[in-house]
Protein backbone atom coordinates (compact mmCIF):
# COMPACT_ATOMS: atom_id res chain seq x y z
CA MET A 1 1.01 -0.04 2.47
CA SER A 2 -0.39 -2.33 -0.21
CA ARG A 3 -1.84 -5.66 0.86
CA SER A 4 -0.70 -8.93 -0.59
CA ALA A 5 -2.77 -11.51 -2.43
CA VAL A 6 -2.18 -13.69 0.60
CA GLU A 7 -3.94 -11.27 2.94
CA LEU A 8 -6.78 -10.43 0.56
CA ALA A 9 -7.55 -14.01 -0.32
CA ALA A 10 -7.40 -15.15 3.29
CA ASP A 11 -9.60 -12.34 4.58
CA LEU A 12 -12.19 -12.79 1.86
CA GLY A 13 -12.19 -16.57 2.09
CA LEU A 14 -11.85 -16.90 -1.67
CA CYS A 15 -9.71 -20.03 -1.66
CA ARG A 16 -10.22 -23.62 -0.69
CA PHE A 17 -7.18 -25.78 -0.26
CA GLY A 18 -8.15 -29.19 -1.60
CA LYS A 19 -6.30 -28.61 -4.85
CA SER A 20 -3.52 -26.18 -4.15
CA GLN A 21 -2.48 -25.14 -7.63
CA CYS A 22 -6.08 -24.59 -8.71
CA ALA A 23 -6.69 -22.55 -5.56
CA VAL A 24 -3.75 -20.26 -6.21
CA ILE A 25 -4.59 -19.76 -9.88
CA CYS A 26 -8.26 -19.05 -9.10
CA CYS A 27 -7.29 -16.44 -6.52
CA LEU A 28 -4.82 -14.83 -8.92
CA VAL A 29 -7.50 -14.60 -11.58
CA LEU A 30 -9.89 -12.91 -9.14
CA LEU A 31 -7.25 -10.48 -7.91
CA LEU A 32 -5.90 -9.63 -11.36
CA ALA A 33 -9.31 -9.30 -13.05
CA PRO A 34 -9.78 -5.56 -12.26
CA VAL A 35 -6.28 -4.85 -13.56
CA ALA A 36 -6.93 -6.80 -16.76
CA SER A 37 -10.19 -4.90 -17.28
CA VAL A 38 -8.46 -1.53 -17.03
CA LEU A 39 -5.64 -2.69 -19.30
CA SER A 40 -8.09 -3.93 -21.93
CA GLN A 41 -9.82 -0.53 -22.02
CA ASP A 42 -6.56 1.37 -22.44
CA ALA A 43 -4.63 -1.14 -24.56
CA ALA A 44 -5.10 0.81 -27.79
CA GLN A 45 -3.35 3.95 -26.58
CA ALA A 46 -1.09 2.65 -23.81
CA PRO A 47 2.60 2.32 -24.75
CA LEU A 48 4.24 -1.06 -24.39
CA SER A 49 6.87 -1.54 -21.72
CA ARG A 50 10.19 -3.16 -22.58
CA PHE A 51 9.01 -6.32 -20.81
CA GLN A 52 5.88 -6.44 -22.98
CA ARG A 53 7.90 -5.83 -26.13
CA THR A 54 10.29 -8.60 -25.11
CA ALA A 55 7.45 -11.05 -24.52
CA ALA A 56 5.85 -10.12 -27.85
CA TYR A 57 9.15 -10.61 -29.67
CA LEU A 58 9.75 -13.97 -28.03
CA GLN A 59 6.48 -15.40 -29.32
CA GLY A 60 8.25 -15.89 -32.65
CA ALA A 61 11.79 -16.32 -31.36
CA PRO A 62 13.90 -19.50 -31.47
CA ALA A 63 13.13 -22.09 -28.79
CA PRO A 64 16.37 -21.53 -26.81
CA GLU A 65 15.50 -17.85 -26.29
CA GLN A 66 11.98 -18.71 -25.13
CA THR A 67 13.40 -21.35 -22.80
CA ASP A 68 15.88 -18.93 -21.22
CA PHE A 69 13.17 -16.30 -20.74
CA ALA A 70 10.82 -18.85 -19.18
CA SER A 71 13.60 -20.08 -16.92
CA ALA A 72 14.40 -16.57 -15.68
CA ALA A 73 10.71 -15.81 -15.10
CA LEU A 74 9.86 -19.05 -13.34
CA THR A 75 12.95 -18.91 -11.13
CA GLU A 76 12.06 -15.41 -9.94
CA LEU A 77 8.37 -16.27 -9.60
CA ALA A 78 9.11 -19.36 -7.50
CA ALA A 79 11.22 -17.23 -5.15
CA VAL A 80 8.40 -14.69 -4.90
CA TYR A 81 5.82 -17.30 -3.91
CA MET A 82 8.14 -18.96 -1.43
CA ALA A 83 8.54 -15.57 0.23
CA GLU A 84 4.75 -15.08 0.24
CA ALA A 85 4.28 -18.44 1.95
CA ASP A 86 6.83 -17.48 4.60
CA LEU A 87 5.04 -14.17 5.13
CA ALA A 88 1.68 -15.91 5.52
CA ARG A 89 3.09 -18.24 8.16
CA ALA A 90 4.64 -15.33 10.04
CA GLN A 91 1.31 -13.46 9.99
CA ALA A 92 -0.58 -16.58 11.07
CA ALA A 93 1.59 -16.83 14.16
CA THR A 94 0.04 -13.57 15.38
CA LEU A 95 -3.56 -14.75 14.90
CA THR A 96 -5.94 -17.28 16.37
CA GLY A 97 -9.03 -19.14 15.20
CA ASN A 98 -10.32 -18.99 11.63
CA GLY A 99 -7.93 -16.22 10.57
CA ARG A 100 -4.94 -18.32 11.58
CA ALA A 101 -6.36 -21.43 9.88
CA ARG A 102 -7.04 -19.58 6.62
CA LEU A 103 -3.53 -18.11 6.46
CA LEU A 104 -1.88 -21.43 7.27
CA GLY A 105 -4.01 -23.14 4.62
CA TRP A 106 -3.11 -20.44 2.11
CA SER A 107 0.60 -20.80 2.92
CA VAL A 108 0.38 -24.53 2.18
CA ALA A 109 -1.29 -23.79 -1.17
CA VAL A 110 1.30 -21.15 -2.08
CA ASP A 111 4.16 -23.46 -1.12
CA GLN A 112 2.70 -26.16 -3.37
CA TYR A 113 2.36 -23.69 -6.22
CA ALA A 114 6.03 -22.69 -5.77
CA ASN A 115 6.93 -26.38 -5.90
CA ASP A 116 4.93 -26.72 -9.12
CA LEU A 117 6.95 -23.83 -10.57
CA MET A 118 10.14 -25.66 -9.65
CA LEU A 119 8.82 -28.77 -11.42
CA ALA A 120 8.17 -26.61 -14.50
CA LEU A 121 11.81 -25.53 -14.33
CA ASP A 122 12.79 -29.19 -14.29
CA ASP A 123 10.69 -29.68 -17.43
CA LEU A 124 12.59 -26.83 -19.08
CA GLU A 125 15.90 -28.50 -18.31
CA LEU A 126 14.58 -31.72 -19.85
CA GLY A 127 13.89 -29.83 -23.07
CA LEU A 128 10.10 -30.10 -22.99
CA PRO A 129 8.14 -27.65 -25.22
CA VAL A 130 7.89 -24.04 -24.05
CA SER A 131 6.23 -20.94 -25.46
CA VAL A 132 5.81 -17.31 -24.40
CA ARG A 133 2.40 -15.64 -24.65
CA THR A 134 1.19 -12.06 -24.38
CA ASP A 135 -1.99 -10.28 -25.46
CA GLN A 136 -1.34 -6.77 -24.00
CA GLN A 137 -4.42 -7.12 -21.75
CA GLY A 138 -2.73 -8.60 -18.71
CA PRO A 139 0.46 -10.22 -17.48
CA ALA A 140 2.52 -12.23 -19.95
CA ALA A 141 2.51 -16.01 -19.58
CA VAL A 142 4.61 -19.02 -20.45
CA THR A 143 3.44 -22.50 -21.31
CA VAL A 144 5.72 -25.39 -20.33
CA ALA A 145 4.76 -28.91 -21.44
CA GLY A 146 1.20 -27.71 -21.94
CA LYS A 147 0.89 -26.07 -18.51
CA LEU A 148 0.14 -22.34 -18.45
CA VAL A 149 1.88 -20.09 -15.91
CA ILE A 150 0.82 -16.45 -15.60
CA LEU A 151 3.83 -14.19 -14.94
CA GLY A 152 2.09 -12.05 -12.34
CA HIS A 153 3.52 -10.94 -9.02
CA PRO A 154 0.98 -11.42 -6.18
CA ARG A 155 1.65 -7.83 -5.12
CA ALA A 156 0.54 -5.48 -7.89
CA ASP A 157 2.94 -2.71 -6.84
CA GLN A 158 5.89 -5.09 -7.28
CA GLN A 159 5.04 -6.30 -10.78
CA SER A 160 7.49 -3.87 -12.39
CA ALA A 161 10.33 -4.92 -10.10
CA PHE A 162 9.64 -8.56 -10.91
CA GLU A 163 9.67 -7.84 -14.65
CA GLN A 164 12.94 -5.91 -14.46
CA ARG A 165 14.67 -8.75 -12.62
CA VAL A 166 13.49 -11.18 -15.30
CA LEU A 167 14.74 -8.85 -18.05
CA GLN A 168 18.09 -8.42 -16.33
CA ASP A 169 18.60 -12.18 -16.14
CA PHE A 170 17.41 -12.80 -19.71
CA CYS A 171 19.41 -9.96 -21.27
CA SER A 172 22.57 -11.16 -19.52
CA LEU A 173 22.31 -14.25 -21.75
CA HIS A 174 20.99 -12.77 -25.00
CA ASN A 175 21.50 -9.64 -27.08
CA CYS A 176 18.41 -7.57 -26.38
CA GLU A 177 19.24 -4.95 -29.01
CA GLN A 178 16.96 -6.65 -31.53
CA ILE A 179 13.99 -6.02 -29.25
CA ALA A 180 14.56 -2.25 -29.02
CA THR A 181 12.15 -0.08 -31.00
CA SER A 182 14.38 3.00 -31.13
CA PRO A 183 18.06 2.19 -30.63
CA THR A 184 20.19 5.27 -30.12
CA GLY A 185 23.56 3.94 -31.15
CA LYS A 186 25.76 0.87 -31.35
CA GLU A 187 28.39 1.74 -28.75
CA HIS A 188 28.75 -0.60 -25.79
CA ILE A 189 26.99 0.58 -22.65
CA PRO A 190 27.81 -1.23 -19.41
CA MET A 191 24.83 -2.42 -17.38
CA THR A 192 26.55 -1.45 -14.11
CA ALA A 193 28.60 1.57 -13.17
CA SER A 194 32.27 1.41 -12.32
CA ARG A 195 33.69 2.68 -9.03
CA VAL A 196 33.66 6.46 -8.74
CA ASN A 197 36.02 8.84 -6.92
CA PRO A 198 34.57 12.28 -6.14
CA ARG A 199 36.94 15.26 -6.13
CA TRP A 200 36.99 17.61 -3.12
CA THR A 201 37.84 21.30 -3.01
CA PHE A 202 38.10 23.33 0.20
CA ALA A 203 37.76 27.07 0.80
CA GLU A 204 36.93 29.42 3.66
CA GLY A 205 33.28 29.57 2.67
CA GLY A 206 32.76 25.84 2.52
CA SER A 207 33.75 22.61 0.84
CA VAL A 208 32.51 21.00 -2.35
CA CYS A 209 32.64 17.43 -3.55
CA ALA A 210 32.17 16.94 -7.27
CA ASN A 211 31.77 13.98 -9.60
CA GLU A 212 31.11 14.25 -13.34
CA GLY A 213 29.31 17.58 -13.10
CA LEU A 214 27.30 16.84 -9.95
CA GLU A 215 28.48 18.98 -7.03
CA VAL A 216 27.48 19.07 -3.37
CA TYR A 217 28.19 22.10 -1.19
CA PHE A 218 28.93 21.61 2.54
CA PRO A 219 29.64 24.30 5.16
CA SER A 220 33.28 24.76 6.06
CA ALA A 221 32.92 23.40 9.59
CA GLY A 222 31.57 19.94 10.20
CA LYS A 223 32.21 16.25 10.07
CA ILE A 224 34.39 15.95 6.99
CA ALA A 225 34.93 12.21 7.42
CA THR A 226 31.17 11.63 7.53
CA TRP A 227 30.63 13.86 4.55
CA ARG A 228 33.24 12.01 2.54
CA GLY A 229 31.36 8.77 3.04
CA LEU A 230 28.07 10.43 2.16
CA CYS A 231 29.53 12.01 -0.97
CA ASP A 232 31.04 8.69 -2.08
CA GLU A 233 27.64 7.04 -1.66
CA LEU A 234 25.87 9.81 -3.60
CA ALA A 235 28.37 9.59 -6.46
CA GLN A 236 28.05 5.81 -6.63
CA GLU A 237 24.24 5.87 -6.61
CA THR A 238 23.85 8.69 -9.14
CA VAL A 239 26.33 7.23 -11.61
CA ALA A 240 24.69 3.80 -11.27
CA LEU A 241 21.26 5.33 -11.90
CA ALA A 242 22.49 7.39 -14.86
CA THR A 243 24.15 4.33 -16.39
CA ALA A 244 20.99 2.27 -15.95
CA ILE A 245 18.84 4.98 -17.55
CA VAL A 246 21.17 5.26 -20.54
CA TRP A 247 21.03 1.48 -20.88
CA GLN A 248 17.21 1.57 -20.84
CA ILE A 249 17.12 4.30 -23.50
CA ARG A 250 19.54 2.26 -25.58
CA TYR A 251 16.90 -0.46 -25.75
CA GLY A 252 13.95 1.70 -26.69
CA VAL A 253 12.55 2.84 -23.35
CA ASP A 254 11.02 6.34 -23.27
CA ILE A 255 11.78 8.30 -20.08
CA ASP A 256 9.19 10.57 -18.46
CA TRP A 257 11.68 13.01 -16.94
CA ASP A 258 9.01 15.00 -15.11
CA ASP A 259 7.62 12.00 -13.28
CA LEU A 260 10.51 9.83 -12.11
CA GLU A 261 9.68 8.08 -8.85
CA ILE A 262 11.67 5.93 -6.44
CA THR A 263 10.07 3.44 -4.03
CA PRO A 264 11.41 0.62 -1.83
CA THR A 265 10.84 -3.06 -2.63
CA PRO A 266 9.42 -5.08 0.29
CA GLU A 267 11.73 -7.56 1.99
CA ARG A 268 14.63 -6.57 -0.34
CA PRO A 269 17.40 -3.95 -0.17
CA GLU A 270 16.79 -2.67 -3.72
CA HIS A 271 14.66 0.26 -4.80
CA LEU A 272 12.38 0.64 -7.80
CA VAL A 273 12.77 3.69 -10.05
CA ARG A 274 9.71 4.09 -12.27
CA LEU A 275 10.59 5.61 -15.63
CA ASN A 276 7.24 6.01 -17.42
CA THR A 277 3.54 5.16 -17.37
CA ALA A 278 4.15 1.99 -19.42
CA GLY A 279 5.69 0.43 -16.33
CA ASP A 280 9.36 0.46 -17.34
CA SER A 281 11.48 0.59 -14.21
CA ILE A 282 15.00 0.18 -12.88
CA VAL A 283 15.87 -1.93 -9.86
CA LEU A 284 18.90 -0.63 -7.96
CA THR A 285 20.03 -0.25 -4.36
CA LEU A 286 19.65 3.52 -3.78
CA PRO A 287 19.26 4.17 -0.03
CA LEU A 288 20.53 7.76 -0.09
CA LEU A 289 18.43 8.86 -3.05
CA HIS A 290 15.35 7.25 -1.53
CA SER A 291 15.82 8.70 1.96
CA SER A 292 16.55 12.28 0.81
CA PRO A 293 13.31 14.12 -0.09
CA ASP A 294 13.36 15.98 -3.42
CA LEU A 295 16.87 14.76 -4.25
CA LEU A 296 15.77 12.69 -7.25
CA ALA A 297 13.91 15.67 -8.72
CA ASP A 298 16.90 17.95 -8.10
CA ILE A 299 19.33 15.69 -9.97
CA THR A 300 16.94 14.98 -12.85
CA PRO A 301 18.47 17.73 -15.07
CA TRP A 302 21.88 16.13 -14.50
CA LEU A 303 20.50 12.67 -15.30
CA HIS A 304 18.88 14.04 -18.46
CA GLY A 305 22.12 15.65 -19.57
CA ARG A 306 23.95 12.35 -19.12
CA ALA A 307 21.23 10.48 -21.00
CA ILE A 308 21.24 12.61 -24.15
CA GLY A 309 24.93 11.95 -24.62
CA GLY A 310 26.27 15.46 -24.28
CA GLU A 311 28.28 16.96 -21.46
CA ALA A 312 25.96 17.30 -18.50
CA ALA A 313 25.56 20.82 -17.16
CA VAL A 314 27.03 21.37 -13.70
CA THR A 315 24.37 20.80 -11.05
CA ARG A 316 25.13 22.04 -7.54
CA LEU A 317 23.27 20.68 -4.52
CA ASP A 318 23.12 22.27 -1.08
CA ALA A 319 23.74 19.52 1.47
CA SER A 320 21.70 21.35 4.12
CA LEU A 321 18.52 20.97 2.05
CA TYR A 322 18.62 17.20 2.54
CA GLY A 323 19.48 17.18 6.24
CA TRP A 324 23.04 16.03 5.61
CA THR A 325 24.63 18.78 7.70
CA ALA A 326 22.36 18.54 10.75
CA GLY A 327 24.38 18.95 13.96
CA SER A 328 27.57 19.88 12.10
CA GLN A 329 27.83 23.44 13.32
């Protein structure tokens, strides 16, 4: 399990709490420095993520677009730091002595920084100057009324999830097609999937539920009612993921089909699906896909078929391989 900036800073004693915003920024700089160093070495050959392309585009975009992007980013970032402060206080309750004092002091500093982010949001609403910055060597940043805010999540493994939430909010207000580097068509693609209804067939040898070319085989005897619920959930999750991938491709994201990965997001119900080494990801609630080993890899050919726009080849899954039929006989 990765450790938060809260825990690292408190354990190392890097921060002093006289000036809270300065303390938080200084700790972020120290914690992000190794990442920035690696990024600067690989910047020439590393592909840009959709978030980076968006930030680069916005540097020359009209002020209203920059304002909406900054608003989405600062709103999400404020929520992140409020959650970190809550976590620090919860951890402090289990400690005594200097460790407790450091975490409580850090939580105060983080709370103040979150409040400063909320004040920056107030400045945006007042129409004060805003600009988006990016140099490809670290997290993007926004400047509001002359104050710089680095758009970095305090947990490095959650940076992609943070960026995708910001993009989702921003692109719900603006047409993000102009930011794509390789659009694949002009047809409308919904950002979310509609309700699905799998079709069941029954025979002596077993039963099969099918939805848009994805089939799951179950033994003939078992808990049909339970399997119906499971199959409905699988259909909903797979169609939602396929729709989200098509939407990402529509806006210039390259998919590394051999290296898709799904991980949970701490303190949230959603999951993060990493699409490539540039950091492009999808944030969706996918409990069944995440909890079933090898399932994502097994449906990747089906996802790829959906993504390229042709009729996806039929992909049959054996429910027993994922533990779905345990105790059914």
